[in-house]
């Protein structure tokens, strides 16, 4: 997560707020110490984001995925490898 100092935050506030609204939260620091975290109002609470299925439609697995290399693995367990 990006951390910006107070002066930078004041100078570029609209740019940072726009990024936060798009899902890129940031931290504003004073004298190098984090003071506030800026996140979008509709951002999910930490730890509640749904991760299961986040790659659906983006990754393909072969039909025989659960059987790939079965002969080689079997040979290793049977001492033939």
C-alpha atoms as a PDB file:
ATOM      1  CA  UNK A   1       0.000   0.000   0.000  1.00  0.00           C
ATOM      2  CA  UNK A   2       1.346   3.397  -0.950  1.00  0.00           C
ATOM      3  CA  UNK A   3       2.344   5.821   1.811  1.00  0.00           C
ATOM      4  CA  UNK A   4       2.489   9.549   1.135  1.00  0.00           C
ATOM      5  CA  UNK A   5       3.520  12.415   3.373  1.00  0.00           C
ATOM      6  CA  UNK A   6       1.075  15.123   4.415  1.00  0.00           C
ATOM      7  CA  UNK A   7       2.430  17.714   1.980  1.00  0.00           C
ATOM      8  CA  UNK A   8       2.233  15.323  -0.977  1.00  0.00           C
ATOM      9  CA  UNK A   9      -1.294  14.321   0.050  1.00  0.00           C
ATOM     10  CA  UNK A  10      -2.418  17.963   0.157  1.00  0.00           C
ATOM     11  CA  UNK A  11      -0.759  18.750  -3.162  1.00  0.00           C
ATOM     12  CA  UNK A  12      -2.207  15.746  -5.041  1.00  0.00           C
ATOM     13  CA  UNK A  13      -5.317  14.969  -2.990  1.00  0.00           C
ATOM     14  CA  UNK A  14      -7.712  14.674  -5.937  1.00  0.00           C
ATOM     15  CA  UNK A  15      -5.391  12.230  -7.734  1.00  0.00           C
ATOM     16  CA  UNK A  16      -4.972  10.060  -4.618  1.00  0.00           C
ATOM     17  CA  UNK A  17      -8.698  10.096  -3.846  1.00  0.00           C
ATOM     18  CA  UNK A  18      -9.486   9.035  -7.409  1.00  0.00           C
ATOM     19  CA  UNK A  19      -7.029   6.131  -7.120  1.00  0.00           C
ATOM     20  CA  UNK A  20      -8.514   5.107  -3.757  1.00  0.00           C
ATOM     21  CA  UNK A  21     -11.999   5.148  -5.282  1.00  0.00           C
ATOM     22  CA  UNK A  22     -10.707   2.713  -7.923  1.00  0.00           C
ATOM     23  CA  UNK A  23      -9.497   0.304  -5.238  1.00  0.00           C
ATOM     24  CA  UNK A  24      -5.978   1.590  -4.538  1.00  0.00           C
ATOM     25  CA  UNK A  25      -5.995   2.689  -0.883  1.00  0.00           C
ATOM     26  CA  UNK A  26      -3.155   4.779   0.524  1.00  0.00           C
ATOM     27  CA  UNK A  27      -1.760   5.903   3.864  1.00  0.00           C
ATOM     28  CA  UNK A  28      -1.034   9.502   4.821  1.00  0.00           C
ATOM     29  CA  UNK A  29       1.952   9.892   7.130  1.00  0.00           C
ATOM     30  CA  UNK A  30       3.118  12.797   9.268  1.00  0.00           C
ATOM     31  CA  UNK A  31       6.851  12.929  10.016  1.00  0.00           C
ATOM     32  CA  UNK A  32       7.155   9.410   8.609  1.00  0.00           C
ATOM     33  CA  UNK A  33       4.525   7.913  10.935  1.00  0.00           C
ATOM     34  CA  UNK A  34       1.269   6.579   9.439  1.00  0.00           C
ATOM     35  CA  UNK A  35      -1.694   8.703  10.522  1.00  0.00           C
ATOM     36  CA  UNK A  36      -4.680   7.708   8.363  1.00  0.00           C
ATOM     37  CA  UNK A  37      -5.582   5.143   5.738  1.00  0.00           C
ATOM     38  CA  UNK A  38      -7.765   6.293   2.847  1.00  0.00           C
ATOM     39  CA  UNK A  39      -9.962   3.633   1.224  1.00  0.00           C
ATOM     40  CA  UNK A  40     -13.029   3.681  -0.995  1.00  0.00           C
ATOM     41  CA  UNK A  41     -16.335   3.818   0.886  1.00  0.00           C
ATOM     42  CA  UNK A  42     -17.532   0.621  -0.791  1.00  0.00           C
ATOM     43  CA  UNK A  43     -14.259  -1.258  -0.189  1.00  0.00           C
ATOM     44  CA  UNK A  44     -14.742  -4.609   1.558  1.00  0.00           C
ATOM     45  CA  UNK A  45     -13.688  -4.804   5.189  1.00  0.00           C
ATOM     46  CA  UNK A  46     -10.259  -6.369   5.658  1.00  0.00           C
ATOM     47  CA  UNK A  47     -10.489 -10.145   5.792  1.00  0.00           C
ATOM     48  CA  UNK A  48     -13.933 -10.285   4.204  1.00  0.00           C
ATOM     49  CA  UNK A  49     -12.901 -10.114   0.567  1.00  0.00           C
ATOM     50  CA  UNK A  50     -14.005 -13.179  -1.383  1.00  0.00           C
ATOM     51  CA  UNK A  51     -10.988 -14.970  -2.848  1.00  0.00           C
ATOM     52  CA  UNK A  52     -12.521 -18.269  -3.950  1.00  0.00           C
ATOM     53  CA  UNK A  53     -12.979 -18.294  -7.692  1.00  0.00           C
ATOM     54  CA  UNK A  54     -11.098 -15.059  -8.338  1.00  0.00           C
ATOM     55  CA  UNK A  55      -9.423 -16.608 -11.395  1.00  0.00           C
ATOM     56  CA  UNK A  56     -12.583 -18.130 -12.860  1.00  0.00           C
ATOM     57  CA  UNK A  57     -12.427 -17.864 -16.629  1.00  0.00           C
ATOM     58  CA  UNK A  58      -8.801 -16.696 -16.604  1.00  0.00           C
ATOM     59  CA  UNK A  59      -7.047 -20.035 -16.123  1.00  0.00           C
ATOM     60  CA  UNK A  60      -7.737 -23.308 -17.894  1.00  0.00           C
ATOM     61  CA  UNK A  61      -6.782 -26.763 -16.632  1.00  0.00           C
ATOM     62  CA  UNK A  62      -6.647 -29.842 -18.847  1.00  0.00           C
ATOM     63  CA  UNK A  63      -9.461 -32.366 -18.514  1.00  0.00           C
ATOM     64  CA  UNK A  64      -7.045 -34.995 -17.188  1.00  0.00           C
ATOM     65  CA  UNK A  65      -5.474 -32.651 -14.639  1.00  0.00           C
ATOM     66  CA  UNK A  66      -6.172 -34.998 -11.728  1.00  0.00           C
ATOM     67  CA  UNK A  67      -4.531 -37.904 -13.579  1.00  0.00           C
ATOM     68  CA  UNK A  68      -1.523 -36.124 -15.109  1.00  0.00           C
ATOM     69  CA  UNK A  69       1.715 -37.970 -14.391  1.00  0.00           C
ATOM     70  CA  UNK A  70      -0.085 -40.860 -12.687  1.00  0.00           C
ATOM     71  CA  UNK A  71       2.094 -43.497 -14.380  1.00  0.00           C
ATOM     72  CA  UNK A  72       5.323 -41.721 -13.428  1.00  0.00           C
ATOM     73  CA  UNK A  73       4.192 -41.166  -9.846  1.00  0.00           C
ATOM     74  CA  UNK A  74       3.050 -44.774  -9.564  1.00  0.00           C
ATOM     75  CA  UNK A  75       6.422 -45.963 -10.840  1.00  0.00           C
ATOM     76  CA  UNK A  76       8.196 -43.875  -8.184  1.00  0.00           C
ATOM     77  CA  UNK A  77       6.166 -45.461  -5.405  1.00  0.00           C
ATOM     78  CA  UNK A  78       6.613 -48.939  -6.813  1.00  0.00           C
ATOM     79  CA  UNK A  79      10.367 -48.517  -7.017  1.00  0.00           C
ATOM     80  CA  UNK A  80      10.564 -48.346 -10.764  1.00  0.00           C
ATOM     81  CA  UNK A  81      11.579 -44.690 -10.959  1.00  0.00           C
END
